[in-house]
Amino acid sequence: MTAPYRTLFVGTLVQDSALSTGGTDTLSGVDDPLCRDGENRFTLRGTTLAGALIATARTLYQKIPPEICIDETNKLANKAPLTPSLWRVYTTHPEKDTLKPEARQGVTIHAQTGAAMDEALFDMETLPPGTRWPFLLEVDTWRAEKLGVPAESIAAKALLEWQQHRCWIGRAVARGLGWLHLEDLRAYCLETEHVKLWPNSFESLDKVLQDIHGTVTAIQDLKQHFKLPKNETRKRFYIEMQGLIDVGEQDNGYGFDALSVSGHAANLGLSSWDEEHYLYPEGKKSKQCQDDFNPDNSIVMTYRNGGYEPFIPGSSLRGVLRHALSRHLRRKGKKIHAPSDALPDKIAKDTVNQLFGSVSKKEAKGAALLIQDSYLVDGKWQAAWLQHHAEDEFSGGVYGTGKFDRVALVEGRFSWRMVIEAKTPRQANLYYQRLKSILDLGEKGHLPLGGNQWRGLGWVKWQVNQVSEGWAGEFLTER
């Protein structure tokens, strides 16, 4: 007679944006390096994945059984001795071992000027979007059945959330990084007769899973197979916005909207001249431009779709939105603290701090607004190599050595995605209305983005194409 033994949830995590997870200090030269193992492989640790999965489960259920995870509501002093969790999440590495890390730069925006603050510059290592990570979760169904804990069903429900692109892992998920989704999700329900199949330390993990796949029928429709626990409660409400940022010629005939979002110094090495994507003066040879190309400021680039292309970091979008909303509310007489302020132990609960997060000593809270990196829609883009100089007021020529140049985009369409999460629909809608008042400015071209905003760049057009809402664990419906 057989009995439930283990349930294996298998799939592939795919990055919708760049990803950065903490590691130890290396010779990479950045403030926050990526996690690597002893063989110098990029690594997503099982503890990192387990923490993200439990965080997702807590958006679905009021209380997670202590047999899965012990938290403040399940004090050890009042429980039986600590035992291994019913969940075991395996450490994983990217499917391709030839990935090159990218340096991501971050700054703090000055509350008054809207420009980068001095001495507020930092950087981190990231892996580019599209990176794929094999995923494996083992549930101890033999022990779960004895304890009466629905460990399978809670895991299935949380993983189905990840299928709906509601998976956030690693650093700076509110600022664009760590947005993933789960593909090819399936489950293998092993019985005690399969004990020789799993685990098997004599074979590689891929070989063991291949043997299991040839013996045990895979369950593709998890929602129909696993019954959901009765204690499910609505705990997290989402409002998701999707839209576009258009860079290029204006439809009113008045020139074009150019954009310059500078990247890390390492990005200068990613920007190489090519005749397809860079404009150059008529009569000048492309080969000469290629030889001379060495801009002081380049646009931020990432590896995507088989090559390097420009993108807009979520942190850039986030900084602009926070600055604009703060300025808008201050004009109405509201007291708004800037991120750079020396905050008191307790601060007034204003919309900006609730929406974008607070770093107060006693009132520190995560952001209600998450913003993903913005990527090209169709891979098409054009850039110009702009020459600048400071003019001598007496001679009318270039002032001393005051000549510089920068690369700016003159054509491109970028898609963006933002998610508001709150405990109630009323609270989420309050955040949405505040944010919408600023996005309305963007639709009119009055929400500048990037560098050189007061010299003609960055006044691009924002579009809001879709707004959806719904509770965690459900499909979002269009408003």
Protein backbone atom coordinates (compact mmCIF):
# COMPACT_ATOMS: atom_id res chain seq x y z
CA MET A 1 0.00 0.00 0.00
CA THR A 2 1.39 3.40 -1.01
CA ALA A 3 1.01 6.77 0.67
CA PRO A 4 1.92 10.39 -0.19
CA TYR A 5 5.68 10.86 0.05
CA ARG A 6 6.89 14.09 -1.62
CA THR A 7 5.47 16.64 -4.05
CA LEU A 8 7.93 18.37 -6.38
CA PHE A 9 7.00 21.69 -8.01
CA VAL A 10 9.20 22.30 -11.05
CA GLY A 11 9.40 25.25 -13.42
CA THR A 12 11.58 28.05 -14.77
CA LEU A 13 11.84 31.53 -13.33
CA VAL A 14 12.26 34.12 -16.10
CA GLN A 15 13.42 37.66 -15.45
CA ASP A 16 11.11 40.40 -16.72
CA SER A 17 13.70 42.95 -15.58
CA ALA A 18 17.27 42.99 -14.36
CA LEU A 19 18.00 41.15 -11.10
CA SER A 20 20.40 41.71 -8.21
CA THR A 21 20.69 39.47 -5.15
CA GLY A 22 23.19 40.08 -2.38
CA GLY A 23 26.50 38.31 -2.24
CA THR A 24 29.90 38.61 -0.61
CA ASP A 25 32.50 41.22 -1.47
CA THR A 26 34.36 40.46 -4.69
CA LEU A 27 36.80 42.20 -6.99
CA SER A 28 33.89 43.51 -9.08
CA GLY A 29 34.44 47.06 -7.84
CA VAL A 30 30.75 47.82 -7.14
CA ASP A 31 29.07 48.64 -3.84
CA ASP A 32 26.60 45.74 -4.02
CA PRO A 33 27.95 42.68 -5.91
CA LEU A 34 25.91 39.73 -7.13
CA CYS A 35 25.72 36.46 -5.22
CA ARG A 36 28.18 33.84 -6.47
CA ASP A 37 29.02 30.36 -5.24
CA GLY A 38 32.45 28.76 -4.77
CA GLU A 39 32.70 28.05 -8.50
CA ASN A 40 31.99 31.73 -9.26
CA ARG A 41 28.56 30.88 -10.67
CA PHE A 42 25.75 33.40 -10.31
CA THR A 43 23.44 32.06 -7.64
CA LEU A 44 19.86 32.39 -6.42
CA ARG A 45 19.99 30.84 -2.97
CA GLY A 46 17.24 28.62 -1.70
CA THR A 47 16.81 30.94 1.29
CA THR A 48 16.22 33.88 -1.07
CA LEU A 49 13.60 31.99 -3.07
CA ALA A 50 11.97 30.60 0.08
CA GLY A 51 11.67 34.08 1.56
CA ALA A 52 10.07 35.42 -1.62
CA LEU A 53 7.65 32.48 -1.80
CA ILE A 54 6.60 32.87 1.84
CA ALA A 55 6.11 36.60 1.27
CA THR A 56 3.79 35.75 -1.63
CA ALA A 57 1.91 33.21 0.49
CA ARG A 58 1.35 35.88 3.14
CA THR A 59 -0.44 38.05 0.60
CA LEU A 60 -2.95 35.18 0.23
CA TYR A 61 -3.40 33.84 3.75
CA GLN A 62 -3.81 35.57 7.08
CA LYS A 63 -1.62 33.05 8.84
CA ILE A 64 1.01 30.63 7.51
CA PRO A 65 1.20 27.34 9.46
CA PRO A 66 4.30 27.27 11.71
CA GLU A 67 5.23 23.93 10.17
CA ILE A 68 6.01 25.94 7.00
CA CYS A 69 7.38 29.13 8.51
CA ILE A 70 7.52 30.52 12.04
CA ASP A 71 6.85 34.24 12.42
CA GLU A 72 5.87 36.65 15.16
CA THR A 73 2.41 35.11 15.46
CA ASN A 74 3.91 31.67 16.06
CA LYS A 75 6.29 32.14 18.98
CA LEU A 76 8.72 29.31 19.49
CA ALA A 77 8.14 29.44 23.22
CA ASN A 78 4.55 28.34 22.75
CA LYS A 79 5.24 25.67 20.15
CA ALA A 80 6.83 22.28 19.94
CA PRO A 81 10.61 22.07 19.35
CA LEU A 82 11.77 23.48 16.03
CA THR A 83 11.51 21.01 13.14
CA PRO A 84 12.47 21.34 9.46
CA SER A 85 10.00 23.23 7.30
CA LEU A 86 7.60 21.24 5.14
CA TRP A 87 8.94 23.31 2.25
CA ARG A 88 12.43 22.96 0.85
CA VAL A 89 13.46 25.35 -1.92
CA TYR A 90 16.59 24.48 -3.88
CA THR A 91 19.42 26.85 -4.77
CA THR A 92 19.64 27.48 -8.50
CA HIS A 93 21.93 28.90 -11.19
CA PRO A 94 21.15 30.44 -14.61
CA GLU A 95 20.55 28.08 -17.51
CA LYS A 96 23.38 29.82 -19.42
CA ASP A 97 26.74 30.10 -17.70
CA THR A 98 28.10 32.74 -20.11
CA LEU A 99 26.13 35.68 -18.73
CA LYS A 100 27.95 38.96 -18.21
CA PRO A 101 26.91 41.10 -15.23
CA GLU A 102 25.94 44.72 -15.77
CA ALA A 103 26.63 47.64 -13.43
CA ARG A 104 23.54 49.61 -12.35
CA GLN A 105 23.99 53.11 -10.97
CA GLY A 106 21.68 54.78 -8.46
CA VAL A 107 21.41 58.34 -7.16
CA THR A 108 19.23 60.41 -4.85
CA ILE A 109 17.27 63.23 -6.50
CA HIS A 110 17.51 66.64 -4.83
CA ALA A 111 14.10 67.76 -3.60
CA GLN A 112 14.50 71.34 -4.84
CA THR A 113 16.43 70.98 -8.09
CA GLY A 114 15.28 67.58 -9.34
CA ALA A 115 18.90 66.76 -10.18
CA ALA A 116 21.23 64.17 -8.69
CA MET A 117 22.51 65.01 -5.21
CA ASP A 118 26.21 65.17 -4.41
CA GLU A 119 27.67 62.27 -2.43
CA ALA A 120 24.56 60.17 -3.02
CA LEU A 121 25.86 57.87 -5.74
CA PHE A 122 25.99 54.07 -5.47
CA ASP A 123 26.09 51.09 -7.80
CA MET A 124 25.30 47.38 -7.89
CA GLU A 125 25.77 44.36 -10.13
CA THR A 126 22.77 43.04 -12.05
CA LEU A 127 21.93 40.25 -14.47
CA PRO A 128 20.06 41.29 -17.64
CA PRO A 129 16.35 40.65 -18.35
CA GLY A 130 15.46 37.35 -19.98
CA THR A 131 17.81 35.34 -17.75
CA ARG A 132 16.26 31.95 -16.93
CA TRP A 133 16.60 30.07 -13.63
CA PRO A 134 15.46 26.45 -13.07
CA PHE A 135 13.13 26.28 -10.06
CA LEU A 136 12.47 23.36 -7.69
CA LEU A 137 10.34 23.25 -4.55
CA GLU A 138 10.02 20.04 -2.52
CA VAL A 139 7.03 19.61 -0.17
CA ASP A 140 7.16 16.91 2.51
CA THR A 141 3.64 15.58 1.91
CA TRP A 142 4.21 12.48 4.05
CA ARG A 143 4.74 14.61 7.16
CA ALA A 144 2.24 17.27 6.08
CA GLU A 145 -0.57 14.68 5.90
CA LYS A 146 0.23 13.41 9.39
CA LEU A 147 0.19 16.97 10.77
CA GLY A 148 -2.91 17.99 8.84
CA VAL A 149 -1.17 20.95 7.19
CA PRO A 150 -2.21 21.93 3.60
CA ALA A 151 1.41 22.57 2.60
CA GLU A 152 0.85 21.46 -1.02
CA SER A 153 -2.13 23.72 -1.61
CA ILE A 154 -0.52 26.82 -0.10
CA ALA A 155 2.58 26.25 -2.23
CA ALA A 156 0.49 25.73 -5.38
CA LYS A 157 -1.50 28.90 -4.76
CA ALA A 158 1.64 30.98 -4.19
CA LEU A 159 3.33 29.59 -7.32
CA LEU A 160 0.25 30.38 -9.39
CA GLU A 161 0.73 34.01 -8.29
CA TRP A 162 4.26 33.83 -9.69
CA GLN A 163 2.80 32.62 -12.97
CA GLN A 164 0.76 35.86 -13.10
CA HIS A 165 3.98 37.95 -13.11
CA ARG A 166 3.62 38.80 -9.42
CA CYS A 167 7.03 37.52 -8.37
CA TRP A 168 9.51 39.97 -6.84
CA ILE A 169 12.97 38.81 -5.73
CA GLY A 170 16.18 40.46 -4.56
CA ARG A 171 17.21 44.08 -4.25
CA ALA A 172 15.33 47.20 -5.30
CA VAL A 173 12.11 45.59 -6.55
CA ALA A 174 10.36 48.93 -5.99
CA ARG A 175 12.95 50.60 -8.24
CA GLY A 176 12.74 48.27 -11.23
CA LEU A 177 14.88 45.24 -10.38
CA GLY A 178 13.83 41.67 -9.55
CA TRP A 179 10.55 41.32 -11.51
CA LEU A 180 10.13 37.69 -12.59
CA HIS A 181 7.48 35.19 -13.61
CA LEU A 182 7.28 31.40 -13.51
CA GLU A 183 6.98 29.35 -16.71
CA ASP A 184 6.36 25.66 -17.42
CA LEU A 185 5.03 25.08 -13.90
CA ARG A 186 4.20 21.45 -13.15
CA ALA A 187 4.01 19.18 -10.12
CA TYR A 188 5.03 15.56 -9.48
CA CYS A 189 3.17 13.83 -6.67
CA LEU A 190 5.46 11.04 -5.50
CA GLU A 191 4.18 8.10 -3.47
CA THR A 192 6.18 5.96 -1.07
CA GLU A 193 6.81 3.52 -3.95
CA HIS A 194 8.97 6.24 -5.54
CA VAL A 195 11.32 6.55 -2.60
CA LYS A 196 14.23 5.22 -4.69
CA LEU A 197 13.69 7.95 -7.28
CA TRP A 198 13.98 10.85 -4.86
CA PRO A 199 16.44 11.86 -3.56
CA ASN A 200 19.32 10.31 -5.46
CA SER A 201 22.74 11.74 -4.68
CA PHE A 202 24.42 9.50 -7.26
CA GLU A 203 22.88 11.42 -10.18
CA SER A 204 22.71 15.08 -11.13
CA LEU A 205 19.52 16.92 -10.29
CA ASP A 206 18.59 17.25 -13.97
CA LYS A 207 18.99 13.49 -14.48
CA VAL A 208 16.88 12.71 -11.39
CA LEU A 209 14.08 15.01 -12.56
CA GLN A 210 14.27 13.45 -16.01
CA ASP A 211 13.84 9.96 -14.49
CA ILE A 212 10.89 11.17 -12.42
CA HIS A 213 9.32 12.75 -15.48
CA GLY A 214 9.53 9.40 -17.26
CA THR A 215 7.86 7.58 -14.35
CA VAL A 216 5.39 9.95 -12.66
CA THR A 217 2.64 11.81 -14.50
CA ALA A 218 3.18 15.57 -14.37
CA ILE A 219 0.30 17.74 -13.18
CA GLN A 220 -0.05 20.81 -15.38
CA ASP A 221 -3.31 22.30 -14.04
CA LEU A 222 -2.42 22.97 -10.42
CA LYS A 223 -5.56 25.01 -9.73
CA GLN A 224 -7.84 22.07 -10.48
CA HIS A 225 -5.73 19.43 -8.76
CA PHE A 226 -4.87 21.07 -5.42
CA LYS A 227 -7.78 22.09 -3.24
CA LEU A 228 -7.28 25.47 -1.60
CA PRO A 229 -7.41 25.74 2.21
CA LYS A 230 -10.59 27.14 3.74
CA ASN A 231 -8.76 29.81 5.75
CA GLU A 232 -7.93 31.83 2.64
CA THR A 233 -8.48 35.55 3.24
CA ARG A 234 -8.22 38.63 1.07
CA LYS A 235 -5.13 40.37 2.36
CA ARG A 236 -3.56 42.28 -0.56
CA PHE A 237 -5.23 44.38 -3.25
CA TYR A 238 -3.43 45.35 -6.47
CA ILE A 239 -3.86 48.12 -9.02
CA GLU A 240 -1.64 47.57 -12.03
CA MET A 241 -0.89 50.24 -14.64
CA GLN A 242 0.73 49.68 -18.02
CA GLY A 243 1.71 52.26 -20.59
CA LEU A 244 4.27 53.67 -22.99
CA ILE A 245 6.88 56.40 -23.16
CA ASP A 246 7.38 57.76 -26.67
CA VAL A 247 10.65 59.37 -27.69
CA GLY A 248 10.88 61.03 -31.07
CA GLU A 249 9.12 63.37 -33.46
CA GLN A 250 6.08 65.17 -32.09
CA ASP A 251 2.77 64.89 -33.89
CA ASN A 252 2.24 68.67 -33.62
CA GLY A 253 5.19 69.42 -35.89
CA TYR A 254 7.32 71.13 -33.23
CA GLY A 255 10.61 69.23 -33.36
CA PHE A 256 11.15 66.00 -31.49
CA ASP A 257 11.37 64.78 -27.90
CA ALA A 258 14.87 63.50 -27.14
CA LEU A 259 15.90 61.57 -24.02
CA SER A 260 19.22 61.16 -22.22
CA VAL A 261 19.33 58.78 -19.24
CA SER A 262 22.98 58.30 -18.39
CA GLY A 263 24.21 54.99 -17.05
CA HIS A 264 27.11 53.67 -15.06
CA ALA A 265 30.62 54.50 -16.25
CA ALA A 266 30.87 50.87 -17.41
CA ASN A 267 28.08 51.67 -19.90
CA LEU A 268 30.49 53.75 -21.95
CA GLY A 269 32.03 50.49 -23.08
CA LEU A 270 28.65 49.17 -24.21
CA SER A 271 27.95 52.14 -26.48
CA SER A 272 29.67 51.49 -29.75
CA TRP A 273 29.02 53.39 -32.96
CA ASP A 274 26.97 51.72 -35.67
CA GLU A 275 25.47 53.29 -38.73
CA GLU A 276 22.04 51.72 -38.13
CA HIS A 277 21.33 53.35 -34.75
CA TYR A 278 23.33 56.60 -34.74
CA LEU A 279 22.64 59.73 -36.76
CA TYR A 280 25.61 61.61 -38.20
CA PRO A 281 26.03 64.81 -40.22
CA GLU A 282 25.43 64.65 -43.93
CA GLY A 283 28.72 64.56 -45.80
CA LYS A 284 30.65 63.00 -42.95
CA LYS A 285 31.76 59.43 -43.38
CA SER A 286 30.41 56.82 -40.97
CA LYS A 287 33.86 55.31 -40.55
CA GLN A 288 35.20 58.66 -39.34
CA CYS A 289 32.36 58.93 -36.78
CA GLN A 290 33.10 55.43 -35.58
CA ASP A 291 36.77 56.23 -35.05
CA ASP A 292 36.00 59.49 -33.23
CA PHE A 293 33.12 58.14 -31.11
CA ASN A 294 34.04 58.60 -27.43
CA PRO A 295 31.16 60.44 -25.67
CA ASP A 296 31.49 61.98 -22.23
CA ASN A 297 27.95 60.84 -21.33
CA SER A 298 26.36 57.75 -22.81
CA ILE A 299 22.82 56.38 -22.56
CA VAL A 300 22.16 53.46 -20.24
CA MET A 301 22.21 50.09 -22.04
CA THR A 302 21.30 46.49 -21.24
CA TYR A 303 21.70 43.13 -22.99
CA ARG A 304 18.36 42.05 -24.43
CA ASN A 305 17.10 40.22 -27.53
CA GLY A 306 20.59 39.14 -28.49
CA GLY A 307 22.27 42.55 -28.30
CA TYR A 308 22.67 45.77 -26.33
CA GLU A 309 19.87 48.30 -26.43
CA PRO A 310 18.80 51.36 -24.41
CA PHE A 311 16.24 51.16 -21.61
CA ILE A 312 14.86 53.35 -18.82
CA PRO A 313 15.63 52.14 -15.27
CA GLY A 314 12.69 51.90 -12.90
CA SER A 315 14.65 54.03 -10.45
CA SER A 316 14.66 56.89 -13.00
CA LEU A 317 10.88 56.69 -13.39
CA ARG A 318 10.41 56.40 -9.64
CA GLY A 319 12.60 59.41 -8.81
CA VAL A 320 10.79 61.64 -11.30
CA LEU A 321 7.34 60.60 -10.03
CA ARG A 322 8.26 61.10 -6.37
CA HIS A 323 9.78 64.50 -7.02
CA ALA A 324 6.76 65.65 -9.08
CA LEU A 325 4.21 64.42 -6.53
CA SER A 326 6.12 65.98 -3.62
CA ARG A 327 6.31 69.29 -5.43
CA HIS A 328 2.60 69.15 -6.29
CA LEU A 329 1.57 68.51 -2.66
CA ARG A 330 3.95 71.12 -1.26
CA ARG A 331 2.28 73.73 -3.45
CA LYS A 332 -0.94 72.80 -1.67
CA GLY A 333 0.66 73.47 1.70
CA LYS A 334 1.34 69.85 2.63
CA LYS A 335 4.38 68.93 4.72
CA ILE A 336 6.35 66.44 2.64
CA HIS A 337 9.69 64.97 3.71
CA ALA A 338 12.30 64.43 1.01
CA PRO A 339 14.24 61.13 0.93
CA SER A 340 17.40 63.05 1.82
CA ASP A 341 15.88 64.73 4.91
CA ALA A 342 17.09 63.79 8.38
CA LEU A 343 13.75 62.34 9.40
CA PRO A 344 12.47 62.39 12.98
CA ASP A 345 11.56 59.20 14.80
CA LYS A 346 7.92 59.74 13.86
CA ILE A 347 6.68 61.45 10.75
CA ALA A 348 3.28 62.47 9.48
CA LYS A 349 1.69 59.82 7.31
CA ASP A 350 1.66 61.68 4.00
CA THR A 351 0.80 60.06 0.71
CA VAL A 352 4.32 60.39 -0.70
CA ASN A 353 5.95 58.45 2.13
CA GLN A 354 3.20 55.81 2.03
CA LEU A 355 3.41 55.44 -1.74
CA PHE A 356 7.20 55.56 -2.18
CA GLY A 357 8.33 54.27 1.22
CA SER A 358 9.85 55.79 4.34
CA VAL A 359 13.25 55.47 5.98
CA SER A 360 12.25 56.91 9.34
CA LYS A 361 13.89 55.18 12.31
CA LYS A 362 10.62 54.01 13.89
CA GLU A 363 8.19 54.33 11.00
CA ALA A 364 10.23 52.69 8.23
CA LYS A 365 7.90 50.99 5.77
CA GLY A 366 8.16 49.48 2.34
CA ALA A 367 6.79 51.25 -0.72
CA ALA A 368 3.23 50.68 -1.86
CA LEU A 369 4.30 51.48 -5.43
CA LEU A 370 6.51 49.08 -7.40
CA ILE A 371 7.94 50.21 -10.76
CA GLN A 372 9.54 47.89 -13.32
CA ASP A 373 12.38 48.83 -15.66
CA SER A 374 11.06 50.15 -18.97
CA TYR A 375 12.21 48.36 -22.14
CA LEU A 376 11.93 48.94 -25.88
CA VAL A 377 8.70 47.63 -27.39
CA ASP A 378 9.97 46.61 -30.83
CA GLY A 379 13.76 46.94 -30.52
CA LYS A 380 13.82 50.01 -32.81
CA TRP A 381 15.80 53.05 -31.69
CA GLN A 382 17.82 55.95 -33.01
CA ALA A 383 20.36 58.08 -31.17
CA ALA A 384 22.32 61.26 -31.85
CA TRP A 385 25.79 62.23 -30.69
CA LEU A 386 25.28 65.79 -29.48
CA GLN A 387 28.11 68.29 -29.09
CA HIS A 388 27.93 70.97 -26.36
CA HIS A 389 30.16 73.79 -25.20
CA ALA A 390 30.29 76.71 -22.82
CA GLU A 391 30.50 80.00 -24.73
CA ASP A 392 32.96 82.75 -23.94
CA GLU A 393 30.93 85.93 -23.44
CA PHE A 394 33.62 88.14 -24.93
CA SER A 395 34.86 86.19 -27.92
CA GLY A 396 31.67 84.26 -28.71
CA GLY A 397 33.74 81.10 -29.05
CA VAL A 398 34.22 78.04 -26.90
CA TYR A 399 35.18 78.96 -23.35
CA GLY A 400 38.54 77.33 -22.54
CA THR A 401 38.11 73.58 -22.28
CA GLY A 402 34.34 73.84 -21.76
CA LYS A 403 33.42 71.48 -24.57
CA PHE A 404 31.60 68.21 -23.92
CA ASP A 405 29.24 65.81 -25.64
CA ARG A 406 26.55 63.29 -24.85
CA VAL A 407 24.45 60.63 -26.55
CA ALA A 408 20.69 61.18 -26.61
CA LEU A 409 17.85 59.06 -27.94
CA VAL A 410 15.80 60.69 -30.66
CA GLU A 411 13.52 57.74 -31.43
CA GLY A 412 12.20 54.84 -29.37
CA ARG A 413 9.11 53.49 -27.68
CA PHE A 414 9.35 52.04 -24.16
CA SER A 415 6.75 50.04 -22.26
CA TRP A 416 6.40 50.51 -18.50
CA ARG A 417 4.55 48.69 -15.72
CA MET A 418 3.68 49.85 -12.21
CA VAL A 419 1.89 48.03 -9.40
CA ILE A 420 0.21 49.56 -6.35
CA GLU A 421 -0.35 47.15 -3.47
CA ALA A 422 -2.49 47.92 -0.43
CA LYS A 423 -4.60 46.20 2.22
CA THR A 424 -7.93 47.55 0.93
CA PRO A 425 -9.33 48.73 -2.42
CA ARG A 426 -10.07 52.13 -0.85
CA GLN A 427 -6.44 52.64 0.16
CA ALA A 428 -5.15 51.42 -3.21
CA ASN A 429 -7.51 53.79 -5.03
CA LEU A 430 -6.29 56.74 -2.94
CA TYR A 431 -2.72 55.98 -4.00
CA TYR A 432 -3.84 55.57 -7.60
CA GLN A 433 -5.60 58.93 -7.72
CA ARG A 434 -2.49 60.67 -6.38
CA LEU A 435 -0.28 58.94 -8.93
CA LYS A 436 -2.72 59.55 -11.78
CA SER A 437 -2.59 63.31 -11.17
CA ILE A 438 1.14 63.16 -11.95
CA LEU A 439 0.85 60.74 -14.87
CA ASP A 440 -1.69 63.15 -16.40
CA LEU A 441 1.15 65.70 -16.57
CA GLY A 442 3.25 63.11 -18.38
CA GLU A 443 0.54 62.61 -20.99
CA LYS A 444 0.80 66.34 -21.73
CA GLY A 445 4.57 66.20 -21.95
CA HIS A 446 5.16 68.03 -18.66
CA LEU A 447 6.94 65.28 -16.72
CA PRO A 448 10.64 65.60 -17.69
CA LEU A 449 12.86 62.56 -17.46
CA GLY A 450 16.61 62.03 -17.50
CA GLY A 451 19.44 64.53 -17.91
CA ASN A 452 19.66 67.98 -19.56
CA GLN A 453 15.99 68.68 -18.83
CA TRP A 454 16.54 72.44 -19.03
CA ARG A 455 18.47 72.20 -22.31
CA GLY A 456 15.86 70.50 -24.43
CA LEU A 457 16.03 66.83 -23.46
CA GLY A 458 13.65 64.59 -21.51
CA TRP A 459 10.26 66.17 -22.25
CA VAL A 460 8.80 62.93 -23.58
CA LYS A 461 5.19 61.78 -23.83
CA TRP A 462 3.81 59.28 -21.29
CA GLN A 463 0.77 57.13 -22.05
CA VAL A 464 -1.41 55.08 -19.71
CA ASN A 465 -2.91 52.30 -21.82
CA GLN A 466 -4.35 49.88 -19.27
CA VAL A 467 -5.34 49.92 -15.60
CA SER A 468 -6.32 46.64 -13.91
CA GLU A 469 -7.23 45.78 -10.34
CA GLY A 470 -8.00 42.79 -8.15
CA TRP A 471 -7.15 40.83 -5.03
CA ALA A 472 -4.05 38.71 -4.64
CA GLY A 473 -4.75 35.20 -5.88
CA GLU A 474 -7.14 36.38 -8.59
CA PHE A 475 -6.88 37.49 -12.22
CA LEU A 476 -6.87 41.28 -12.40
CA THR A 477 -9.79 42.86 -14.22
CA GLU A 478 -9.62 46.07 -16.27
CA ARG A 479 -11.04 49.16 -14.61
